[in-house]
Protein backbone atom coordinates (compact mmCIF):
# COMPACT_ATOMS: atom_id res chain seq x y z
CA MET A 1 -43.04 -73.67 -131.07
CA TRP A 2 -40.88 -70.65 -130.30
CA ILE A 3 -37.13 -70.79 -130.90
CA TYR A 4 -34.87 -68.00 -129.68
CA ALA A 5 -31.31 -68.18 -131.00
CA LYS A 6 -28.64 -65.70 -131.99
CA GLY A 7 -30.79 -62.73 -130.99
CA LYS A 8 -33.78 -63.73 -133.10
CA LEU A 9 -37.13 -65.30 -132.31
CA LYS A 10 -38.69 -67.74 -134.75
CA ILE A 11 -42.23 -69.01 -134.41
CA ASN A 12 -42.97 -72.38 -135.94
CA LEU A 13 -46.52 -73.66 -136.21
CA LEU A 14 -47.43 -77.32 -136.56
CA ILE A 15 -49.57 -77.53 -139.68
CA GLN A 16 -50.57 -80.92 -141.04
CA GLU A 17 -47.72 -82.84 -139.39
CA SER A 18 -44.93 -80.41 -140.29
CA TYR A 19 -43.66 -77.15 -138.86
CA GLN A 20 -43.92 -73.93 -140.84
CA GLU A 21 -42.35 -70.64 -139.83
CA SER A 22 -44.80 -67.85 -139.06
CA PRO A 23 -44.29 -64.11 -138.51
CA ILE A 24 -46.98 -64.07 -135.79
CA SER A 25 -47.99 -66.16 -132.81
CA PRO A 26 -51.57 -67.44 -132.85
CA THR A 27 -51.57 -67.00 -129.07
CA PHE A 28 -50.63 -63.31 -129.25
CA LEU A 29 -52.16 -62.13 -132.51
CA ASN A 30 -51.97 -58.40 -131.75
CA ILE A 31 -48.45 -58.40 -130.32
CA ALA A 32 -45.31 -58.38 -132.48
CA VAL A 33 -43.51 -60.95 -130.31
CA VAL A 34 -40.95 -61.69 -133.03
CA ASP A 35 -39.74 -58.11 -132.58
CA LEU A 36 -40.50 -57.50 -128.91
CA ILE A 37 -38.95 -60.60 -127.33
CA PRO A 38 -35.46 -60.07 -128.82
CA GLN A 39 -35.64 -56.40 -127.80
CA CYS A 40 -36.58 -57.41 -124.26
CA VAL A 41 -33.72 -59.91 -124.03
CA GLU A 42 -31.16 -57.40 -125.31
CA ARG A 43 -32.52 -54.70 -123.01
CA ALA A 44 -32.22 -57.08 -120.04
CA LYS A 45 -28.49 -57.34 -120.70
CA ILE A 46 -28.26 -53.58 -120.14
CA VAL A 47 -30.79 -52.78 -117.40
CA GLY A 48 -31.50 -56.18 -115.86
CA MET A 49 -34.38 -58.58 -116.28
CA SER A 50 -36.81 -56.91 -113.85
CA GLN A 51 -36.57 -53.51 -115.53
CA SER A 52 -36.70 -55.08 -118.97
CA LEU A 53 -39.85 -57.04 -118.09
CA GLU A 54 -41.49 -53.89 -116.70
CA GLU A 55 -40.74 -52.08 -119.95
CA PHE A 56 -42.00 -55.06 -121.95
CA GLU A 57 -45.26 -55.07 -120.00
CA GLU A 58 -45.69 -51.33 -120.53
CA SER A 59 -45.16 -51.78 -124.26
CA ILE A 60 -47.92 -54.36 -124.59
CA VAL A 61 -50.38 -53.12 -121.93
CA GLY A 62 -49.75 -49.38 -121.90
CA ASP A 63 -49.61 -47.07 -118.91
């Protein structure tokens, strides 16, 4: 479960009937989503969502 609040992303994984915070997402193991998602959201406030999403895609896929 991802929770975005107050400019921060927290990832909680359900492990043996309880949630535990994790620094990584098992879905996106090689992507630092905890860092990138808040950056994308803040950037969208400045340049708009479309531009921010393009920049986000470039950061994870490359040119």
